[in-house]
Amino acid sequence: WSTDEAESVYQTLCRTPGNITVIATKGTTQVVGFCVGVPLASKPALRVELTGLVPPLHTIYLAELGLFPEWEPTALRKALLTTMVAQIDEDRFT
């Protein structure tokens, strides 16, 4: 994806109510990666596909995980996911 395409996807997901967004930066101005989870209930088409496999009202869906290529071989992917999972409301989602 181009930087503009990634930003567009990111902006769309961040407008999803109940999203969990984690951003990795280099310094204070350079984004190097992001991770966005959204309630499955907010994605009707996907919810239909996964009905019967997971409880749609109690599931966070990993909608996007993006890293710039130079950050791919690092442990950043795991750190983004671990941080996102730690923010899931365990009383609402299983």
Protein backbone atom coordinates (compact mmCIF):
# COMPACT_ATOMS: atom_id res chain seq x y z
CA TRP A 1 0.00 0.00 0.00
CA SER A 2 1.05 3.57 -0.51
CA THR A 3 1.28 5.86 2.48
CA ASP A 4 -1.94 7.61 1.35
CA GLU A 5 -3.81 4.29 1.09
CA ALA A 6 -2.63 3.21 4.54
CA GLU A 7 -3.68 6.55 6.01
CA SER A 8 -7.13 6.26 4.42
CA VAL A 9 -7.69 2.78 5.87
CA TYR A 10 -6.40 3.94 9.24
CA GLN A 11 -8.74 6.97 9.29
CA THR A 12 -11.75 4.83 8.38
CA LEU A 13 -11.05 2.28 11.10
CA CYS A 14 -10.43 4.96 13.71
CA ARG A 15 -13.95 6.28 13.08
CA THR A 16 -15.41 2.89 14.02
CA PRO A 17 -17.05 3.15 17.46
CA GLY A 18 -15.24 1.09 20.09
CA ASN A 19 -12.04 0.74 18.08
CA ILE A 20 -8.77 -0.04 19.80
CA THR A 21 -5.90 1.69 18.04
CA VAL A 22 -2.20 1.36 18.81
CA ILE A 23 0.36 3.49 17.02
CA ALA A 24 4.12 2.97 16.93
CA THR A 25 6.29 5.99 16.24
CA LYS A 26 9.91 6.81 15.75
CA GLY A 27 10.36 9.98 17.70
CA THR A 28 7.35 12.25 17.93
CA THR A 29 6.44 12.69 14.27
CA GLN A 30 7.13 9.51 12.27
CA VAL A 31 4.54 6.71 12.36
CA VAL A 32 6.19 3.35 11.67
CA GLY A 33 3.29 1.03 12.38
CA PHE A 34 -0.25 0.71 13.65
CA CYS A 35 -2.72 -1.88 14.80
CA VAL A 36 -6.51 -1.45 14.89
CA GLY A 37 -9.08 -3.76 16.40
CA VAL A 38 -12.80 -3.13 16.07
CA PRO A 39 -15.87 -4.77 17.57
CA LEU A 40 -17.00 -7.48 15.15
CA ALA A 41 -20.55 -6.20 15.55
CA SER A 42 -19.49 -3.01 13.73
CA LYS A 43 -18.65 -4.96 10.54
CA PRO A 44 -21.96 -6.44 9.30
CA ALA A 45 -20.59 -8.37 6.28
CA LEU A 46 -17.81 -9.95 8.30
CA ARG A 47 -20.19 -10.63 11.17
CA VAL A 48 -22.38 -12.70 8.84
CA GLU A 49 -19.40 -14.71 7.60
CA LEU A 50 -18.19 -15.49 11.13
CA THR A 51 -21.59 -16.20 12.73
CA GLY A 52 -21.43 -19.57 14.41
CA LEU A 53 -17.64 -19.48 14.68
CA VAL A 54 -17.27 -16.66 17.21
CA PRO A 55 -19.76 -14.70 19.34
CA PRO A 56 -20.14 -11.53 17.20
CA LEU A 57 -21.28 -9.27 20.03
CA HIS A 58 -18.31 -10.27 22.19
CA THR A 59 -15.47 -10.35 19.67
CA ILE A 60 -12.80 -7.82 18.74
CA TYR A 61 -11.68 -8.23 15.14
CA LEU A 62 -8.10 -7.41 14.18
CA ALA A 63 -8.99 -5.15 11.28
CA GLU A 64 -5.53 -3.96 10.32
CA LEU A 65 -1.90 -4.34 11.22
CA GLY A 66 0.44 -2.13 9.26
CA LEU A 67 4.20 -1.69 9.42
CA PHE A 68 6.52 0.17 7.13
CA PRO A 69 8.80 -2.33 5.35
CA GLU A 70 11.96 -1.36 7.22
CA TRP A 71 10.20 -2.29 10.49
CA GLU A 72 8.95 -5.72 9.34
CA PRO A 73 11.88 -7.77 10.71
CA THR A 74 11.61 -6.27 14.19
CA ALA A 75 9.57 -7.30 17.23
CA LEU A 76 7.23 -4.37 16.59
CA ARG A 77 4.40 -6.53 15.21
CA LYS A 78 4.23 -8.53 18.43
CA ALA A 79 4.42 -5.38 20.57
CA LEU A 80 1.52 -3.77 18.67
CA LEU A 81 -0.67 -6.86 19.00
CA THR A 82 0.19 -7.42 22.66
CA THR A 83 -0.63 -3.80 23.47
CA MET A 84 -3.95 -3.95 21.61
CA VAL A 85 -5.02 -7.19 23.29
CA ALA A 86 -4.16 -5.74 26.71
CA GLN A 87 -6.67 -2.92 26.07
CA ILE A 88 -9.65 -5.17 25.31
CA ASP A 89 -12.43 -4.80 27.88
CA GLU A 90 -12.67 -8.32 29.31
CA ASP A 91 -16.11 -7.63 30.76
CA ARG A 92 -17.50 -6.90 27.30
CA PHE A 93 -15.40 -9.09 25.00
CA THR A 94 -14.31 -12.70 25.35
